[in-house]
């Protein structure tokens, strides 16, 4: 599947979700979601409870499958990609507009970058289950553009509930591309599933 196919697939999902939702006006003074704090708590929980990860990575035409049970530093390394999307920093937060909306199943908090060049994260969407208020999904789009290097990626983190108040990462999907000057564009994707 090519990069444009992924964009069309994800774009269709986003269009469907947004077309059946009601929303409030954008606000620029809203606190952003603490993604770094979430990652840190997930690292400790996944390690302490002996979870593993099954990852399929494709880079161009090459595919690699890895299954492992990381220690805490290994989990921190596996989840560090999510920290790159954390916009809960004083120097970055003011450049995002906040929008709250609802679909049939979810309450959705959207943080949209309002001034290009201030952050590599173009948007972050937080989905919560309307019945339980548990975290259900996080979607992030990132892009880097400079004269030498261009890249973009789309991250989807899906959560599952274990008990009444315990939610853990179920899967992480990353789809992206990178282009270095004088070289062809390389497309990649990975799907990581948490296992026990």
Protein backbone atom coordinates (compact mmCIF):
# COMPACT_ATOMS: atom_id res chain seq x y z
CA UNK A 1 0.00 0.00 0.00
CA UNK A 2 1.46 3.37 -0.96
CA UNK A 3 1.68 6.51 1.23
CA UNK A 4 -1.21 8.17 -0.59
CA UNK A 5 -3.34 5.07 0.01
CA UNK A 6 -2.67 5.36 3.74
CA UNK A 7 -3.54 9.04 3.65
CA UNK A 8 -6.78 8.26 1.84
CA UNK A 9 -7.56 5.47 4.31
CA UNK A 10 -6.84 7.60 7.36
CA UNK A 11 -8.42 10.65 5.75
CA UNK A 12 -11.60 8.67 5.18
CA UNK A 13 -11.67 7.60 8.81
CA UNK A 14 -11.12 11.15 9.98
CA UNK A 15 -13.78 12.44 7.59
CA UNK A 16 -16.33 9.90 8.79
CA UNK A 17 -15.63 10.69 12.43
CA UNK A 18 -15.71 14.42 11.94
CA UNK A 19 -18.77 14.43 9.71
CA UNK A 20 -20.95 12.80 12.37
CA UNK A 21 -19.79 14.93 15.27
CA UNK A 22 -20.86 18.12 16.95
CA UNK A 23 -18.17 20.49 18.14
CA UNK A 24 -17.46 23.57 20.15
CA UNK A 25 -15.43 26.59 19.08
CA UNK A 26 -11.65 26.58 19.11
CA UNK A 27 -9.90 27.91 22.20
CA UNK A 28 -6.20 28.68 22.48
CA UNK A 29 -5.84 28.69 26.29
CA UNK A 30 -6.76 25.04 26.89
CA UNK A 31 -4.22 22.77 28.62
CA UNK A 32 -2.93 20.06 26.31
CA UNK A 33 -2.86 16.33 26.99
CA UNK A 34 0.13 15.09 29.04
CA UNK A 35 1.40 12.48 26.59
CA UNK A 36 4.82 12.24 28.24
CA UNK A 37 3.22 11.45 31.60
CA UNK A 38 1.03 8.81 29.96
CA UNK A 39 4.06 7.16 28.33
CA UNK A 40 5.99 7.09 31.61
CA UNK A 41 3.11 5.41 33.46
CA UNK A 42 2.65 2.88 30.61
CA UNK A 43 6.36 1.98 30.68
CA UNK A 44 6.19 1.05 34.37
CA UNK A 45 2.89 -0.81 34.06
CA UNK A 46 3.91 -2.84 31.01
CA UNK A 47 7.25 -3.82 32.54
CA UNK A 48 5.89 -4.58 36.03
CA UNK A 49 3.16 -6.80 34.58
CA UNK A 50 5.46 -8.67 32.17
CA UNK A 51 3.90 -7.54 28.90
CA UNK A 52 5.65 -8.02 25.58
CA UNK A 53 5.49 -6.49 22.15
CA UNK A 54 4.99 -8.02 18.70
CA UNK A 55 6.15 -5.60 16.01
CA UNK A 56 6.00 -5.81 12.22
CA UNK A 57 8.07 -3.12 10.49
CA UNK A 58 8.22 -2.43 6.76
CA UNK A 59 10.83 -0.10 5.28
CA UNK A 60 10.46 0.08 1.53
CA UNK A 61 10.27 -3.56 0.41
CA UNK A 62 11.96 -4.97 3.54
CA UNK A 63 9.91 -6.45 6.37
CA UNK A 64 11.06 -7.33 9.87
CA UNK A 65 9.09 -9.12 12.59
CA UNK A 66 10.22 -8.89 16.21
CA UNK A 67 8.68 -10.28 19.40
CA UNK A 68 10.22 -9.44 22.75
CA UNK A 69 9.54 -8.78 26.45
CA UNK A 70 11.47 -5.56 27.15
CA UNK A 71 12.77 -4.34 30.49
CA UNK A 72 11.79 -0.83 31.61
CA UNK A 73 14.47 0.86 29.49
CA UNK A 74 13.40 -1.27 26.53
CA UNK A 75 9.78 -0.17 27.00
CA UNK A 76 10.92 3.45 27.26
CA UNK A 77 12.72 2.99 23.94
CA UNK A 78 9.68 1.34 22.32
CA UNK A 79 7.36 4.17 23.39
CA UNK A 80 9.73 7.12 22.86
CA UNK A 81 8.12 7.88 19.49
CA UNK A 82 5.02 8.92 21.41
CA UNK A 83 6.97 11.43 23.48
CA UNK A 84 7.96 13.24 20.29
CA UNK A 85 4.27 14.09 19.87
CA UNK A 86 3.93 15.60 23.36
CA UNK A 87 2.80 19.22 22.99
CA UNK A 88 2.30 19.83 26.71
CA UNK A 89 5.27 22.20 26.99
CA UNK A 90 5.10 25.93 27.84
CA UNK A 91 7.07 26.94 24.72
CA UNK A 92 4.78 24.96 22.39
CA UNK A 93 1.33 24.91 24.01
CA UNK A 94 0.29 28.47 23.02
CA UNK A 95 0.56 27.57 19.31
CA UNK A 96 -2.25 25.02 19.44
CA UNK A 97 -5.96 25.64 19.24
CA UNK A 98 -8.27 23.35 21.17
CA UNK A 99 -11.53 21.95 19.87
CA UNK A 100 -13.92 19.63 21.65
CA UNK A 101 -16.32 17.45 19.66
CA UNK A 102 -18.37 14.28 19.93
CA UNK A 103 -19.10 11.31 17.73
CA UNK A 104 -21.53 8.51 18.46
CA UNK A 105 -18.97 6.61 20.55
CA UNK A 106 -16.32 9.15 21.53
CA UNK A 107 -15.62 12.51 23.08
CA UNK A 108 -12.79 14.00 21.03
CA UNK A 109 -10.29 16.67 22.10
CA UNK A 110 -8.33 18.07 19.15
CA UNK A 111 -5.19 20.20 19.38
CA UNK A 112 -4.43 21.83 16.03
CA UNK A 113 -1.19 23.71 15.32
CA UNK A 114 -2.07 27.29 14.40
CA UNK A 115 1.37 28.57 13.39
CA UNK A 116 3.58 26.44 11.15
CA UNK A 117 7.22 26.14 12.09
CA UNK A 118 6.51 26.20 15.84
CA UNK A 119 6.20 22.42 16.20
CA UNK A 120 6.59 19.24 14.14
CA UNK A 121 3.24 17.95 15.46
CA UNK A 122 0.48 19.26 13.20
CA UNK A 123 -2.35 17.86 15.27
CA UNK A 124 -3.13 15.59 18.18
CA UNK A 125 -6.57 14.05 18.74
CA UNK A 126 -7.57 12.37 21.98
CA UNK A 127 -10.57 9.99 21.88
CA UNK A 128 -12.36 9.00 25.08
CA UNK A 129 -15.11 6.41 25.37
CA UNK A 130 -18.32 8.31 26.08
CA UNK A 131 -19.68 5.62 28.41
CA UNK A 132 -16.60 5.05 30.57
CA UNK A 133 -14.60 8.25 29.88
CA UNK A 134 -11.56 5.96 29.41
CA UNK A 135 -8.86 6.85 26.93
CA UNK A 136 -9.63 4.96 23.70
CA UNK A 137 -7.33 6.32 20.99
CA UNK A 138 -4.75 8.99 20.23
CA UNK A 139 -4.05 10.14 16.67
CA UNK A 140 -1.09 12.33 15.75
CA UNK A 141 0.27 13.76 12.51
CA UNK A 142 3.84 15.07 12.33
CA UNK A 143 5.92 16.66 9.60
CA UNK A 144 9.45 18.01 9.21
CA UNK A 145 10.35 20.14 6.18
CA UNK A 146 13.74 21.76 5.58
CA UNK A 147 15.96 22.17 2.50
CA UNK A 148 17.75 18.85 3.10
CA UNK A 149 15.20 16.59 4.75
CA UNK A 150 11.44 16.03 4.50
CA UNK A 151 9.46 13.55 6.54
CA UNK A 152 5.96 12.92 7.75
CA UNK A 153 4.27 10.32 9.88
CA UNK A 154 0.88 9.43 11.18
CA UNK A 155 0.65 7.72 14.59
CA UNK A 156 -2.41 5.90 15.91
CA UNK A 157 -2.34 4.56 19.48
CA UNK A 158 -5.25 2.30 20.49
CA UNK A 159 -5.99 1.56 24.16
CA UNK A 160 -7.89 -1.21 25.89
CA UNK A 161 -9.39 -1.37 29.36
CA UNK A 162 -8.27 -4.13 31.70
CA UNK A 163 -10.27 -3.27 34.80
CA UNK A 164 -12.56 -0.47 35.89
CA UNK A 165 -9.80 2.15 36.10
CA UNK A 166 -6.88 0.52 34.24
CA UNK A 167 -6.27 1.30 30.55
CA UNK A 168 -3.17 0.17 28.65
CA UNK A 169 -1.85 0.55 25.13
CA UNK A 170 -3.21 -2.20 22.88
CA UNK A 171 -1.48 -1.25 19.62
CA UNK A 172 0.65 1.43 17.97
CA UNK A 173 0.54 2.03 14.23
CA UNK A 174 3.00 4.34 12.52
CA UNK A 175 2.87 5.16 8.82
CA UNK A 176 5.31 7.59 7.26
CA UNK A 177 7.82 8.67 4.67
CA UNK A 178 11.22 10.32 4.58
CA UNK A 179 13.05 12.11 1.79
CA UNK A 180 16.68 13.15 1.96
CA UNK A 181 18.02 15.49 -0.71
CA UNK A 182 19.28 13.63 -3.82
CA UNK A 183 17.71 10.34 -2.60
CA UNK A 184 14.36 8.73 -3.37
CA UNK A 185 11.48 8.95 -0.92
CA UNK A 186 11.31 5.98 1.44
CA UNK A 187 7.98 4.81 2.84
CA UNK A 188 7.67 2.87 6.07
CA UNK A 189 5.08 1.54 8.46
CA UNK A 190 5.03 -0.45 11.65
CA UNK A 191 2.35 -2.15 13.68
CA UNK A 192 3.12 -2.97 17.29
CA UNK A 193 0.76 -5.04 19.40
CA UNK A 194 1.07 -5.47 23.13
CA UNK A 195 1.07 -9.15 24.15
CA UNK A 196 1.20 -11.10 27.40
